[in-house]
């Protein structure tokens, strides 16, 4: 018997056409997003996320980078804000209060990545997750930070991860998911695994695999054939904007954001 949880869409046949024409028209109603990421060795991910969210139609965006990055940026980057950093240029634990305060302004937070490998940043991100309860998207190496403590993410409501396939494999293994994600999986088995994983856990997943964009929320799975290959930051940024603008319809919003890729 055919399953009822897998939904297929194309650019010409969207699953939820009403989502495409019912988007907020005013800037004030299009959502406020806080993007966090970067370190002194790299900050392209939060910078790209800023550009992608603007393109996707966000209302307002603020970008938080470590203080050490400020001297590396042109003065024209007025949208960037800075929080305390470690001597090596990553976020310091002292940044917590500032991140939480800025998060109060926002409707959602995107952990865009390029955090680098830093134990102090790891503590900061864990503390932030524990205290922040709003919509949250994780991409790039922000996902890696929670591999030792996956339960903080898998049990958290209003949370989206946008992993690579390798990250999904590691994340599911760390979460002790009974069905492994393997490179030899065919299309149907991959859909089944996404269904089972998100049925058992709170998180939503958006991932491009097998030349297809997949979204999985509460056991429901959508698949969309994209026109081109999209990186995780592009996917995370566009998905987050659509989700912020329809917070009570995560599956519909995230699935529709994949149409925007095509």
C-alpha atoms as a PDB file:
ATOM      1  CA  UNK A   1       0.000   0.000   0.000  1.00  0.00           C
ATOM      2  CA  UNK A   2       1.334   3.454  -0.901  1.00  0.00           C
ATOM      3  CA  UNK A   3       2.473   5.571   2.033  1.00  0.00           C
ATOM      4  CA  UNK A   4       0.640   8.759   2.942  1.00  0.00           C
ATOM      5  CA  UNK A   5       3.550  10.706   4.418  1.00  0.00           C
ATOM      6  CA  UNK A   6       5.596  11.289   1.234  1.00  0.00           C
ATOM      7  CA  UNK A   7       4.575  14.253  -0.927  1.00  0.00           C
ATOM      8  CA  UNK A   8       6.179  15.098  -4.295  1.00  0.00           C
ATOM      9  CA  UNK A   9       6.254  18.527  -5.862  1.00  0.00           C
ATOM     10  CA  UNK A  10       7.712  20.363  -8.843  1.00  0.00           C
ATOM     11  CA  UNK A  11       8.097  24.027  -9.691  1.00  0.00           C
ATOM     12  CA  UNK A  12       5.031  23.703 -11.922  1.00  0.00           C
ATOM     13  CA  UNK A  13       3.009  21.733  -9.389  1.00  0.00           C
ATOM     14  CA  UNK A  14       3.670  23.066  -5.863  1.00  0.00           C
ATOM     15  CA  UNK A  15       2.207  21.120  -2.977  1.00  0.00           C
ATOM     16  CA  UNK A  16       0.902  24.253  -1.283  1.00  0.00           C
ATOM     17  CA  UNK A  17       0.193  26.914  -3.936  1.00  0.00           C
ATOM     18  CA  UNK A  18      -1.555  29.140  -1.400  1.00  0.00           C
ATOM     19  CA  UNK A  19       1.791  29.612   0.354  1.00  0.00           C
ATOM     20  CA  UNK A  20       3.190  31.266  -2.758  1.00  0.00           C
ATOM     21  CA  UNK A  21       0.600  34.039  -2.990  1.00  0.00           C
ATOM     22  CA  UNK A  22      -0.160  34.583   0.691  1.00  0.00           C
ATOM     23  CA  UNK A  23       3.265  35.822   1.799  1.00  0.00           C
ATOM     24  CA  UNK A  24       3.324  39.013   3.909  1.00  0.00           C
ATOM     25  CA  UNK A  25       3.485  42.180   1.802  1.00  0.00           C
ATOM     26  CA  UNK A  26       4.884  44.643   4.332  1.00  0.00           C
ATOM     27  CA  UNK A  27       8.443  44.623   5.642  1.00  0.00           C
ATOM     28  CA  UNK A  28       7.214  44.605   9.234  1.00  0.00           C
ATOM     29  CA  UNK A  29       5.314  41.360   8.639  1.00  0.00           C
ATOM     30  CA  UNK A  30       8.128  39.537   6.832  1.00  0.00           C
ATOM     31  CA  UNK A  31       9.996  38.589   9.983  1.00  0.00           C
ATOM     32  CA  UNK A  32      13.108  39.556  11.904  1.00  0.00           C
ATOM     33  CA  UNK A  33      16.086  37.209  11.797  1.00  0.00           C
ATOM     34  CA  UNK A  34      19.303  37.046  13.797  1.00  0.00           C
ATOM     35  CA  UNK A  35      22.206  35.364  11.996  1.00  0.00           C
ATOM     36  CA  UNK A  36      25.086  34.169  14.179  1.00  0.00           C
ATOM     37  CA  UNK A  37      28.399  32.799  12.974  1.00  0.00           C
ATOM     38  CA  UNK A  38      31.950  33.395  11.880  1.00  0.00           C
ATOM     39  CA  UNK A  39      35.410  33.517  13.391  1.00  0.00           C
ATOM     40  CA  UNK A  40      38.612  35.367  12.532  1.00  0.00           C
ATOM     41  CA  UNK A  41      39.582  32.668  10.028  1.00  0.00           C
ATOM     42  CA  UNK A  42      36.329  32.724   8.089  1.00  0.00           C
ATOM     43  CA  UNK A  43      32.953  34.438   8.014  1.00  0.00           C
ATOM     44  CA  UNK A  44      31.632  33.757   4.512  1.00  0.00           C
ATOM     45  CA  UNK A  45      28.739  31.613   5.771  1.00  0.00           C
ATOM     46  CA  UNK A  46      27.026  34.336   7.843  1.00  0.00           C
ATOM     47  CA  UNK A  47      27.783  36.888   5.106  1.00  0.00           C
ATOM     48  CA  UNK A  48      26.208  34.640   2.459  1.00  0.00           C
ATOM     49  CA  UNK A  49      23.266  33.910   4.747  1.00  0.00           C
ATOM     50  CA  UNK A  50      22.658  37.649   5.053  1.00  0.00           C
ATOM     51  CA  UNK A  51      22.526  38.069   1.274  1.00  0.00           C
ATOM     52  CA  UNK A  52      20.366  34.960   0.770  1.00  0.00           C
ATOM     53  CA  UNK A  53      17.809  35.970   3.403  1.00  0.00           C
ATOM     54  CA  UNK A  54      17.470  39.394   1.803  1.00  0.00           C
ATOM     55  CA  UNK A  55      16.922  37.722  -1.558  1.00  0.00           C
ATOM     56  CA  UNK A  56      14.345  35.382  -0.005  1.00  0.00           C
ATOM     57  CA  UNK A  57      12.287  38.313   1.304  1.00  0.00           C
ATOM     58  CA  UNK A  58      13.125  38.680   5.002  1.00  0.00           C
ATOM     59  CA  UNK A  59      11.867  41.825   6.701  1.00  0.00           C
ATOM     60  CA  UNK A  60      14.888  42.680   8.859  1.00  0.00           C
ATOM     61  CA  UNK A  61      18.186  40.940   9.537  1.00  0.00           C
ATOM     62  CA  UNK A  62      20.951  41.426  12.072  1.00  0.00           C
ATOM     63  CA  UNK A  63      24.256  39.573  11.838  1.00  0.00           C
ATOM     64  CA  UNK A  64      26.320  38.833  14.936  1.00  0.00           C
ATOM     65  CA  UNK A  65      30.037  38.112  14.489  1.00  0.00           C
ATOM     66  CA  UNK A  66      32.908  37.749  16.986  1.00  0.00           C
ATOM     67  CA  UNK A  67      34.521  41.072  17.933  1.00  0.00           C
ATOM     68  CA  UNK A  68      37.851  39.926  16.508  1.00  0.00           C
ATOM     69  CA  UNK A  69      36.345  39.932  13.014  1.00  0.00           C
ATOM     70  CA  UNK A  70      35.474  43.639  13.093  1.00  0.00           C
ATOM     71  CA  UNK A  71      38.949  44.802  12.100  1.00  0.00           C
ATOM     72  CA  UNK A  72      38.846  42.480   9.077  1.00  0.00           C
ATOM     73  CA  UNK A  73      35.675  43.981   7.595  1.00  0.00           C
ATOM     74  CA  UNK A  74      35.222  47.168   5.551  1.00  0.00           C
ATOM     75  CA  UNK A  75      33.469  49.961   7.434  1.00  0.00           C
ATOM     76  CA  UNK A  76      30.659  49.753   4.883  1.00  0.00           C
ATOM     77  CA  UNK A  77      29.362  46.561   6.570  1.00  0.00           C
ATOM     78  CA  UNK A  78      27.061  48.542   8.829  1.00  0.00           C
ATOM     79  CA  UNK A  79      24.584  45.672   9.283  1.00  0.00           C
ATOM     80  CA  UNK A  80      27.142  43.606  11.171  1.00  0.00           C
ATOM     81  CA  UNK A  81      27.251  43.589  14.973  1.00  0.00           C
ATOM     82  CA  UNK A  82      29.946  42.165  17.198  1.00  0.00           C
ATOM     83  CA  UNK A  83      30.072  40.160  20.427  1.00  0.00           C
ATOM     84  CA  UNK A  84      32.985  39.264  22.717  1.00  0.00           C
ATOM     85  CA  UNK A  85      35.518  36.886  21.202  1.00  0.00           C
ATOM     86  CA  UNK A  86      38.309  34.623  22.369  1.00  0.00           C
ATOM     87  CA  UNK A  87      41.959  35.564  21.726  1.00  0.00           C
ATOM     88  CA  UNK A  88      41.862  33.170  18.749  1.00  0.00           C
ATOM     89  CA  UNK A  89      38.919  35.011  17.213  1.00  0.00           C
ATOM     90  CA  UNK A  90      35.933  32.752  17.964  1.00  0.00           C
ATOM     91  CA  UNK A  91      32.887  33.579  20.077  1.00  0.00           C
ATOM     92  CA  UNK A  92      33.671  33.779  23.805  1.00  0.00           C
ATOM     93  CA  UNK A  93      31.386  32.642  26.611  1.00  0.00           C
ATOM     94  CA  UNK A  94      30.937  36.307  27.544  1.00  0.00           C
ATOM     95  CA  UNK A  95      28.959  36.754  24.291  1.00  0.00           C
ATOM     96  CA  UNK A  96      25.968  34.864  25.724  1.00  0.00           C
ATOM     97  CA  UNK A  97      24.141  37.843  27.229  1.00  0.00           C
ATOM     98  CA  UNK A  98      24.508  39.863  24.037  1.00  0.00           C
ATOM     99  CA  UNK A  99      23.320  37.011  21.816  1.00  0.00           C
ATOM    100  CA  UNK A 100      20.297  36.352  24.003  1.00  0.00           C
ATOM    101  CA  UNK A 101      19.424  40.041  24.165  1.00  0.00           C
ATOM    102  CA  UNK A 102      19.557  40.377  20.373  1.00  0.00           C
ATOM    103  CA  UNK A 103      17.579  37.141  19.984  1.00  0.00           C
ATOM    104  CA  UNK A 104      14.732  38.790  21.907  1.00  0.00           C
ATOM    105  CA  UNK A 105      14.429  41.264  19.038  1.00  0.00           C
ATOM    106  CA  UNK A 106      14.233  38.491  16.437  1.00  0.00           C
ATOM    107  CA  UNK A 107      11.499  36.050  15.435  1.00  0.00           C
ATOM    108  CA  UNK A 108      14.121  33.414  14.724  1.00  0.00           C
ATOM    109  CA  UNK A 109      17.833  32.616  14.789  1.00  0.00           C
ATOM    110  CA  UNK A 110      20.063  31.069  12.134  1.00  0.00           C
ATOM    111  CA  UNK A 111      23.342  29.552  13.342  1.00  0.00           C
ATOM    112  CA  UNK A 112      25.044  29.948   9.988  1.00  0.00           C
ATOM    113  CA  UNK A 113      28.366  28.295  10.756  1.00  0.00           C
ATOM    114  CA  UNK A 114      32.044  29.128  10.335  1.00  0.00           C
ATOM    115  CA  UNK A 115      32.318  28.963  14.118  1.00  0.00           C
ATOM    116  CA  UNK A 116      35.646  27.118  13.922  1.00  0.00           C
ATOM    117  CA  UNK A 117      36.695  24.544  16.474  1.00  0.00           C
ATOM    118  CA  UNK A 118      36.785  26.127  19.891  1.00  0.00           C
ATOM    119  CA  UNK A 119      35.815  24.644  23.256  1.00  0.00           C
ATOM    120  CA  UNK A 120      34.680  27.986  24.619  1.00  0.00           C
ATOM    121  CA  UNK A 121      32.400  28.524  21.622  1.00  0.00           C
ATOM    122  CA  UNK A 122      30.994  25.036  22.190  1.00  0.00           C
ATOM    123  CA  UNK A 123      29.997  25.975  25.742  1.00  0.00           C
ATOM    124  CA  UNK A 124      28.510  29.248  24.504  1.00  0.00           C
ATOM    125  CA  UNK A 125      26.343  27.541  21.868  1.00  0.00           C
ATOM    126  CA  UNK A 126      25.076  24.946  24.347  1.00  0.00           C
ATOM    127  CA  UNK A 127      24.141  27.667  26.823  1.00  0.00           C
ATOM    128  CA  UNK A 128      22.454  29.678  24.093  1.00  0.00           C
ATOM    129  CA  UNK A 129      20.357  26.676  23.017  1.00  0.00           C
ATOM    130  CA  UNK A 130      19.345  26.017  26.614  1.00  0.00           C
ATOM    131  CA  UNK A 131      18.130  29.581  27.144  1.00  0.00           C
ATOM    132  CA  UNK A 132      16.718  30.468  23.728  1.00  0.00           C
ATOM    133  CA  UNK A 133      13.311  28.940  22.942  1.00  0.00           C
ATOM    134  CA  UNK A 134      12.400  30.525  19.597  1.00  0.00           C
ATOM    135  CA  UNK A 135      12.667  29.228  16.036  1.00  0.00           C
ATOM    136  CA  UNK A 136      16.164  27.975  15.372  1.00  0.00           C
ATOM    137  CA  UNK A 137      18.017  26.803  12.251  1.00  0.00           C
ATOM    138  CA  UNK A 138      21.402  25.081  12.323  1.00  0.00           C
ATOM    139  CA  UNK A 139      23.708  24.828   9.310  1.00  0.00           C
ATOM    140  CA  UNK A 140      27.361  24.165   8.492  1.00  0.00           C
ATOM    141  CA  UNK A 141      29.618  23.433  11.500  1.00  0.00           C
ATOM    142  CA  UNK A 142      27.008  24.564  14.034  1.00  0.00           C
ATOM    143  CA  UNK A 143      25.550  21.058  13.593  1.00  0.00           C
ATOM    144  CA  UNK A 144      28.902  19.461  14.407  1.00  0.00           C
ATOM    145  CA  UNK A 145      29.019  21.260  17.750  1.00  0.00           C
ATOM    146  CA  UNK A 146      25.997  19.288  18.924  1.00  0.00           C
ATOM    147  CA  UNK A 147      27.062  15.798  17.861  1.00  0.00           C
ATOM    148  CA  UNK A 148      28.152  14.972  21.445  1.00  0.00           C
ATOM    149  CA  UNK A 149      24.820  16.302  22.798  1.00  0.00           C
ATOM    150  CA  UNK A 150      22.290  15.534  20.070  1.00  0.00           C
ATOM    151  CA  UNK A 151      19.431  15.274  22.555  1.00  0.00           C
ATOM    152  CA  UNK A 152      19.618  19.049  23.009  1.00  0.00           C
ATOM    153  CA  UNK A 153      18.563  19.349  19.376  1.00  0.00           C
ATOM    154  CA  UNK A 154      16.427  16.265  18.748  1.00  0.00           C
ATOM    155  CA  UNK A 155      14.140  17.077  21.676  1.00  0.00           C
ATOM    156  CA  UNK A 156      13.932  20.810  20.977  1.00  0.00           C
ATOM    157  CA  UNK A 157      10.711  22.145  19.383  1.00  0.00           C
ATOM    158  CA  UNK A 158      10.885  24.683  16.543  1.00  0.00           C
ATOM    159  CA  UNK A 159      14.284  23.489  15.345  1.00  0.00           C
ATOM    160  CA  UNK A 160      15.503  22.900  11.784  1.00  0.00           C
ATOM    161  CA  UNK A 161      18.820  21.355  10.767  1.00  0.00           C
ATOM    162  CA  UNK A 162      20.215  21.668   7.239  1.00  0.00           C
ATOM    163  CA  UNK A 163      22.983  19.058   7.152  1.00  0.00           C
ATOM    164  CA  UNK A 164      25.184  17.546   4.520  1.00  0.00           C
ATOM    165  CA  UNK A 165      24.565  13.829   4.053  1.00  0.00           C
ATOM    166  CA  UNK A 166      27.699  13.064   6.065  1.00  0.00           C
ATOM    167  CA  UNK A 167      26.479  15.264   8.913  1.00  0.00           C
ATOM    168  CA  UNK A 168      23.085  13.570   8.831  1.00  0.00           C
ATOM    169  CA  UNK A 169      24.775  10.177   9.099  1.00  0.00           C
ATOM    170  CA  UNK A 170      26.812  11.290  12.120  1.00  0.00           C
ATOM    171  CA  UNK A 171      23.877  13.067  13.728  1.00  0.00           C
ATOM    172  CA  UNK A 172      21.550  10.078  13.411  1.00  0.00           C
ATOM    173  CA  UNK A 173      24.232   7.718  14.730  1.00  0.00           C
ATOM    174  CA  UNK A 174      24.912   9.989  17.702  1.00  0.00           C
ATOM    175  CA  UNK A 175      21.164  10.142  18.366  1.00  0.00           C
ATOM    176  CA  UNK A 176      21.087   6.308  18.338  1.00  0.00           C
ATOM    177  CA  UNK A 177      18.618   6.201  15.495  1.00  0.00           C
ATOM    178  CA  UNK A 178      17.724   2.570  14.816  1.00  0.00           C
ATOM    179  CA  UNK A 179      17.961   2.884  11.013  1.00  0.00           C
ATOM    180  CA  UNK A 180      21.314   4.017   9.633  1.00  0.00           C
ATOM    181  CA  UNK A 181      21.585   6.531   6.810  1.00  0.00           C
ATOM    182  CA  UNK A 182      23.940   4.856   4.338  1.00  0.00           C
ATOM    183  CA  UNK A 183      25.394   5.958   1.012  1.00  0.00           C
ATOM    184  CA  UNK A 184      23.942   2.835  -0.606  1.00  0.00           C
ATOM    185  CA  UNK A 185      20.364   3.818   0.297  1.00  0.00           C
ATOM    186  CA  UNK A 186      17.995   4.114  -2.625  1.00  0.00           C
ATOM    187  CA  UNK A 187      15.431   6.907  -2.927  1.00  0.00           C
ATOM    188  CA  UNK A 188      12.565   5.093  -1.218  1.00  0.00           C
ATOM    189  CA  UNK A 189      14.674   3.919   1.719  1.00  0.00           C
ATOM    190  CA  UNK A 190      15.999   7.438   2.253  1.00  0.00           C
ATOM    191  CA  UNK A 191      12.461   8.832   2.354  1.00  0.00           C
ATOM    192  CA  UNK A 192      11.471   6.106   4.823  1.00  0.00           C
ATOM    193  CA  UNK A 193      14.442   6.924   7.058  1.00  0.00           C
ATOM    194  CA  UNK A 194      13.625  10.650   7.079  1.00  0.00           C
ATOM    195  CA  UNK A 195      10.026   9.798   7.913  1.00  0.00           C
ATOM    196  CA  UNK A 196      11.024   7.567  10.828  1.00  0.00           C
ATOM    197  CA  UNK A 197      13.655   9.910  12.220  1.00  0.00           C
ATOM    198  CA  UNK A 198      11.454  13.010  12.296  1.00  0.00           C
ATOM    199  CA  UNK A 199       8.504  11.011  13.580  1.00  0.00           C
ATOM    200  CA  UNK A 200      10.595   9.949  16.565  1.00  0.00           C
ATOM    201  CA  UNK A 201      12.246  13.335  17.144  1.00  0.00           C
ATOM    202  CA  UNK A 202      11.140  16.964  17.352  1.00  0.00           C
ATOM    203  CA  UNK A 203      13.532  18.382  14.763  1.00  0.00           C
ATOM    204  CA  UNK A 204      12.813  19.210  11.137  1.00  0.00           C
ATOM    205  CA  UNK A 205      15.312  18.374   8.402  1.00  0.00           C
ATOM    206  CA  UNK A 206      16.009  20.007   5.051  1.00  0.00           C
ATOM    207  CA  UNK A 207      18.645  18.341   2.905  1.00  0.00           C
ATOM    208  CA  UNK A 208      19.690  17.982  -0.715  1.00  0.00           C
ATOM    209  CA  UNK A 209      20.553  14.370  -1.571  1.00  0.00           C
ATOM    210  CA  UNK A 210      20.196  12.133  -4.610  1.00  0.00           C
ATOM    211  CA  UNK A 211      19.818  15.300  -6.702  1.00  0.00           C
ATOM    212  CA  UNK A 212      16.628  16.121  -4.792  1.00  0.00           C
ATOM    213  CA  UNK A 213      15.605  18.598  -2.090  1.00  0.00           C
ATOM    214  CA  UNK A 214      13.968  16.840   0.856  1.00  0.00           C
ATOM    215  CA  UNK A 215      12.050  18.310   3.782  1.00  0.00           C
ATOM    216  CA  UNK A 216      10.953  16.201   6.743  1.00  0.00           C
ATOM    217  CA  UNK A 217       8.763  17.463   9.590  1.00  0.00           C
ATOM    218  CA  UNK A 218       6.921  15.333  12.147  1.00  0.00           C
ATOM    219  CA  UNK A 219       7.167  12.277   9.906  1.00  0.00           C
ATOM    220  CA  UNK A 220       5.934  14.051   6.753  1.00  0.00           C
ATOM    221  CA  UNK A 221       8.383  14.178   3.848  1.00  0.00           C
ATOM    222  CA  UNK A 222       8.392  16.281   0.691  1.00  0.00           C
ATOM    223  CA  UNK A 223      10.694  15.907  -2.303  1.00  0.00           C
ATOM    224  CA  UNK A 224      11.448  18.544  -4.931  1.00  0.00           C
ATOM    225  CA  UNK A 225      13.666  18.309  -7.983  1.00  0.00           C
ATOM    226  CA  UNK A 226      15.835  21.457  -7.954  1.00  0.00           C
ATOM    227  CA  UNK A 227      17.001  23.260 -11.057  1.00  0.00           C
ATOM    228  CA  UNK A 228      20.551  23.363  -9.726  1.00  0.00           C
ATOM    229  CA  UNK A 229      22.768  22.285  -6.858  1.00  0.00           C
ATOM    230  CA  UNK A 230      22.269  24.440  -3.760  1.00  0.00           C
ATOM    231  CA  UNK A 231      24.672  24.699  -0.857  1.00  0.00           C
ATOM    232  CA  UNK A 232      23.489  24.298   2.725  1.00  0.00           C
ATOM    233  CA  UNK A 233      23.603  28.026   3.494  1.00  0.00           C
ATOM    234  CA  UNK A 234      21.357  28.859   0.558  1.00  0.00           C
ATOM    235  CA  UNK A 235      18.909  26.142   1.602  1.00  0.00           C
ATOM    236  CA  UNK A 236      19.009  27.127   5.280  1.00  0.00           C
ATOM    237  CA  UNK A 237      18.564  30.835   4.576  1.00  0.00           C
ATOM    238  CA  UNK A 238      15.590  30.479   2.248  1.00  0.00           C
ATOM    239  CA  UNK A 239      13.944  27.806   4.375  1.00  0.00           C
ATOM    240  CA  UNK A 240      14.305  29.931   7.501  1.00  0.00           C
ATOM    241  CA  UNK A 241      12.699  32.979   5.886  1.00  0.00           C
ATOM    242  CA  UNK A 242       9.688  31.031   4.632  1.00  0.00           C
ATOM    243  CA  UNK A 243       9.309  29.332   8.006  1.00  0.00           C
ATOM    244  CA  UNK A 244       9.459  32.650   9.891  1.00  0.00           C
ATOM    245  CA  UNK A 245       6.663  33.957   7.712  1.00  0.00           C
ATOM    246  CA  UNK A 246       4.435  30.927   8.391  1.00  0.00           C
ATOM    247  CA  UNK A 247       5.534  29.654  11.820  1.00  0.00           C
ATOM    248  CA  UNK A 248       2.427  27.545  12.390  1.00  0.00           C
ATOM    249  CA  UNK A 249       2.893  25.658   9.103  1.00  0.00           C
ATOM    250  CA  UNK A 250       6.503  24.424   9.167  1.00  0.00           C
ATOM    251  CA  UNK A 251       6.074  21.553   6.710  1.00  0.00           C
ATOM    252  CA  UNK A 252       4.177  23.664   4.212  1.00  0.00           C
ATOM    253  CA  UNK A 253       6.569  26.626   4.516  1.00  0.00           C
ATOM    254  CA  UNK A 254       9.781  24.617   4.346  1.00  0.00           C
ATOM    255  CA  UNK A 255       8.544  22.540   1.425  1.00  0.00           C
ATOM    256  CA  UNK A 256       7.485  25.659  -0.461  1.00  0.00           C
ATOM    257  CA  UNK A 257      10.909  27.223   0.106  1.00  0.00           C
ATOM    258  CA  UNK A 258      12.327  24.428  -2.047  1.00  0.00           C
ATOM    259  CA  UNK A 259      10.167  25.618  -4.935  1.00  0.00           C
ATOM    260  CA  UNK A 260      11.936  28.934  -4.575  1.00  0.00           C
ATOM    261  CA  UNK A 261      15.201  27.130  -5.388  1.00  0.00           C
ATOM    262  CA  UNK A 262      13.800  25.890  -8.658  1.00  0.00           C
END
